């Protein structure tokens, strides 16, 4: 699967992405807004383990600019009674921030998922300090459903988590 957008592509991860993933992901500012499962520092070994596990993952993709992997976006589909819902996550290399790439990628993947799957709900959680990500979701029609107060601890700081969702129309 590949989705081409204005100035970016969403595509499967490939082993050749390992050096670029390690380089772009090894950034404290990037990891600050992500779960601890996204390590910092981020090594080529971390990149190799991640890409090897996701070569054929149905909903985990690279965000590429001019063919170079500069971020990631994906969905984790729920199980059992949550099987028609998916959690979205994404990140982008800091050098590409402020260009609208993530906003367009969120739009493209949400549209694709609703058109090519049985999903009826896509949601994302955002740390209270990540205002840019909140704006991305709001621009894409995601609605704030609630604030999970004091729900996460990131780098020793207790934070609220904002829950956004978009429902298939």
Protein backbone atom coordinates (compact mmCIF):
# COMPACT_ATOMS: atom_id res chain seq x y z
CA UNK A 1 0.00 0.00 0.00
CA UNK A 2 1.24 3.47 -0.84
CA UNK A 3 -0.54 6.79 -0.49
CA UNK A 4 0.98 9.76 -2.25
CA UNK A 5 0.25 13.18 -0.87
CA UNK A 6 1.42 16.70 -1.51
CA UNK A 7 5.16 16.51 -0.73
CA UNK A 8 5.12 13.10 1.01
CA UNK A 9 4.26 9.42 0.69
CA UNK A 10 2.87 6.93 3.16
CA UNK A 11 4.39 3.54 2.41
CA UNK A 12 5.51 0.25 3.94
CA UNK A 13 8.73 0.21 5.92
CA UNK A 14 11.72 -1.41 4.16
CA UNK A 15 15.07 -2.53 5.57
CA UNK A 16 16.79 0.25 3.64
CA UNK A 17 15.00 2.71 5.97
CA UNK A 18 17.06 1.62 8.99
CA UNK A 19 19.73 4.37 8.83
CA UNK A 20 17.20 7.15 8.17
CA UNK A 21 14.85 5.92 10.89
CA UNK A 22 17.70 5.82 13.42
CA UNK A 23 18.90 9.29 12.42
CA UNK A 24 15.50 11.01 12.50
CA UNK A 25 14.12 9.16 15.54
CA UNK A 26 17.19 9.85 17.66
CA UNK A 27 15.87 13.23 18.80
CA UNK A 28 14.80 14.17 22.31
CA UNK A 29 12.20 16.61 20.97
CA UNK A 30 10.57 13.88 18.88
CA UNK A 31 10.50 11.32 21.69
CA UNK A 32 9.15 13.88 24.19
CA UNK A 33 5.64 13.50 22.74
CA UNK A 34 5.67 9.74 22.26
CA UNK A 35 5.19 6.74 24.52
CA UNK A 36 8.22 5.26 26.23
CA UNK A 37 8.15 2.32 23.80
CA UNK A 38 9.74 4.78 21.35
CA UNK A 39 13.21 4.87 22.91
CA UNK A 40 15.58 7.76 23.29
CA UNK A 41 18.36 7.60 22.39
CA UNK A 42 17.27 5.71 19.27
CA UNK A 43 19.90 3.45 17.69
CA UNK A 44 20.23 1.57 14.43
CA UNK A 45 19.56 -1.58 16.46
CA UNK A 46 16.24 -0.07 17.62
CA UNK A 47 15.44 0.79 13.99
CA UNK A 48 16.31 -2.69 12.75
CA UNK A 49 14.16 -4.37 15.41
CA UNK A 50 11.20 -2.06 14.69
CA UNK A 51 11.37 -2.33 10.90
CA UNK A 52 11.93 -6.10 10.92
CA UNK A 53 8.81 -6.50 13.08
CA UNK A 54 6.76 -4.22 10.81
CA UNK A 55 7.80 -5.17 7.27
CA UNK A 56 4.38 -6.62 6.57
CA UNK A 57 2.33 -4.94 9.28
CA UNK A 58 -1.04 -4.05 7.77
CA UNK A 59 -1.36 -0.61 9.38
CA UNK A 60 2.16 0.60 10.25
CA UNK A 61 3.81 2.88 7.71
CA UNK A 62 6.71 5.17 7.02
CA UNK A 63 6.15 8.80 6.13
CA UNK A 64 8.61 9.49 3.32
CA UNK A 65 9.74 12.70 1.66
CA UNK A 66 11.54 12.25 -1.66
CA UNK A 67 11.77 8.54 -0.88
CA UNK A 68 13.47 9.03 2.50
CA UNK A 69 11.69 7.77 5.63
CA UNK A 70 11.32 10.83 7.90
CA UNK A 71 8.56 9.68 10.23
CA UNK A 72 5.94 7.09 10.92
CA UNK A 73 2.18 6.76 11.08
CA UNK A 74 -0.01 3.83 11.90
CA UNK A 75 -3.10 2.30 13.40
CA UNK A 76 -3.49 -0.32 16.12
CA UNK A 77 -6.81 -2.05 15.57
CA UNK A 78 -8.66 -3.06 18.71
CA UNK A 79 -9.65 -6.55 19.71
CA UNK A 80 -12.93 -8.21 20.63
CA UNK A 81 -15.66 -5.57 21.11
CA UNK A 82 -13.15 -2.89 20.06
CA UNK A 83 -12.37 -4.53 16.70
CA UNK A 84 -13.98 -1.71 14.69
CA UNK A 85 -11.89 0.97 16.42
CA UNK A 86 -8.22 1.79 15.96
CA UNK A 87 -5.74 4.00 17.76
CA UNK A 88 -3.66 6.25 15.53
CA UNK A 89 -0.11 7.26 16.28
CA UNK A 90 2.38 9.33 14.30
CA UNK A 91 5.67 11.18 14.50
CA UNK A 92 7.82 13.24 12.16
CA UNK A 93 11.49 14.25 12.11
CA UNK A 94 11.94 17.66 13.68
CA UNK A 95 13.52 19.10 10.52
CA UNK A 96 10.16 18.57 8.76
CA UNK A 97 7.93 20.14 11.43
CA UNK A 98 5.77 23.09 10.43
CA UNK A 99 5.25 22.02 6.81
CA UNK A 100 1.80 20.48 7.20
CA UNK A 101 3.08 16.98 6.40
CA UNK A 102 1.63 15.30 9.49
CA UNK A 103 -1.74 16.98 9.04
CA UNK A 104 -1.91 15.75 5.45
CA UNK A 105 -0.70 12.28 6.42
CA UNK A 106 -3.34 11.98 9.16
CA UNK A 107 -6.00 13.00 6.64
CA UNK A 108 -4.72 10.54 4.03
CA UNK A 109 -4.48 7.55 6.37
CA UNK A 110 -7.83 8.26 8.05
CA UNK A 111 -9.55 8.53 4.67
CA UNK A 112 -7.85 5.38 3.39
CA UNK A 113 -8.69 3.39 6.54
CA UNK A 114 -12.36 4.36 6.49
CA UNK A 115 -12.63 3.52 2.77
CA UNK A 116 -10.69 0.23 2.83
CA UNK A 117 -11.58 -1.40 6.15
CA UNK A 118 -14.46 -2.05 8.51
CA UNK A 119 -13.22 0.58 10.96
CA UNK A 120 -15.87 2.97 12.24
CA UNK A 121 -13.76 4.90 14.77
CA UNK A 122 -10.18 6.15 14.83
CA UNK A 123 -8.84 7.79 17.95
CA UNK A 124 -5.61 9.26 19.27
CA UNK A 125 -4.37 10.38 22.65
CA UNK A 126 -2.17 13.45 23.02
CA UNK A 127 -0.08 14.65 25.95
CA UNK A 128 -1.34 17.98 27.34
CA UNK A 129 1.90 19.68 26.29
CA UNK A 130 1.57 18.72 22.60
CA UNK A 131 -0.59 21.53 21.27
CA UNK A 132 0.62 21.05 17.69
CA UNK A 133 -0.69 17.48 17.61
CA UNK A 134 -4.02 18.61 19.02
CA UNK A 135 -4.29 21.12 16.16
CA UNK A 136 -3.44 18.41 13.61
CA UNK A 137 -6.28 16.23 14.86
CA UNK A 138 -8.78 19.09 15.11
CA UNK A 139 -7.97 20.22 11.54
CA UNK A 140 -8.78 16.68 10.42
CA UNK A 141 -12.20 16.53 12.05
CA UNK A 142 -11.21 14.64 15.18
CA UNK A 143 -13.23 15.76 18.18
CA UNK A 144 -12.04 16.04 21.75
CA UNK A 145 -13.94 13.37 23.66
CA UNK A 146 -12.33 13.87 27.01
CA UNK A 147 -9.32 14.62 29.12
CA UNK A 148 -7.80 11.73 31.01
CA UNK A 149 -6.51 13.60 34.02
CA UNK A 150 -3.04 12.74 35.32
CA UNK A 151 -3.06 9.69 33.07
CA UNK A 152 0.56 9.46 31.90
CA UNK A 153 4.04 9.97 33.28
CA UNK A 154 6.62 11.11 30.74
CA UNK A 155 10.17 11.83 31.83
CA UNK A 156 9.05 11.99 35.44
CA UNK A 157 6.26 14.51 34.79
CA UNK A 158 2.62 13.57 35.40
CA UNK A 159 0.48 14.74 32.46
CA UNK A 160 -3.12 14.84 31.32
CA UNK A 161 -3.89 12.91 28.16
CA UNK A 162 -6.36 14.37 25.65
CA UNK A 163 -8.53 11.82 23.81
CA UNK A 164 -9.59 12.72 20.26
CA UNK A 165 -11.68 10.58 17.89
CA UNK A 166 -13.15 10.65 14.42
CA UNK A 167 -16.16 8.54 13.48
CA UNK A 168 -16.76 7.18 9.98
CA UNK A 169 -19.63 9.05 8.39
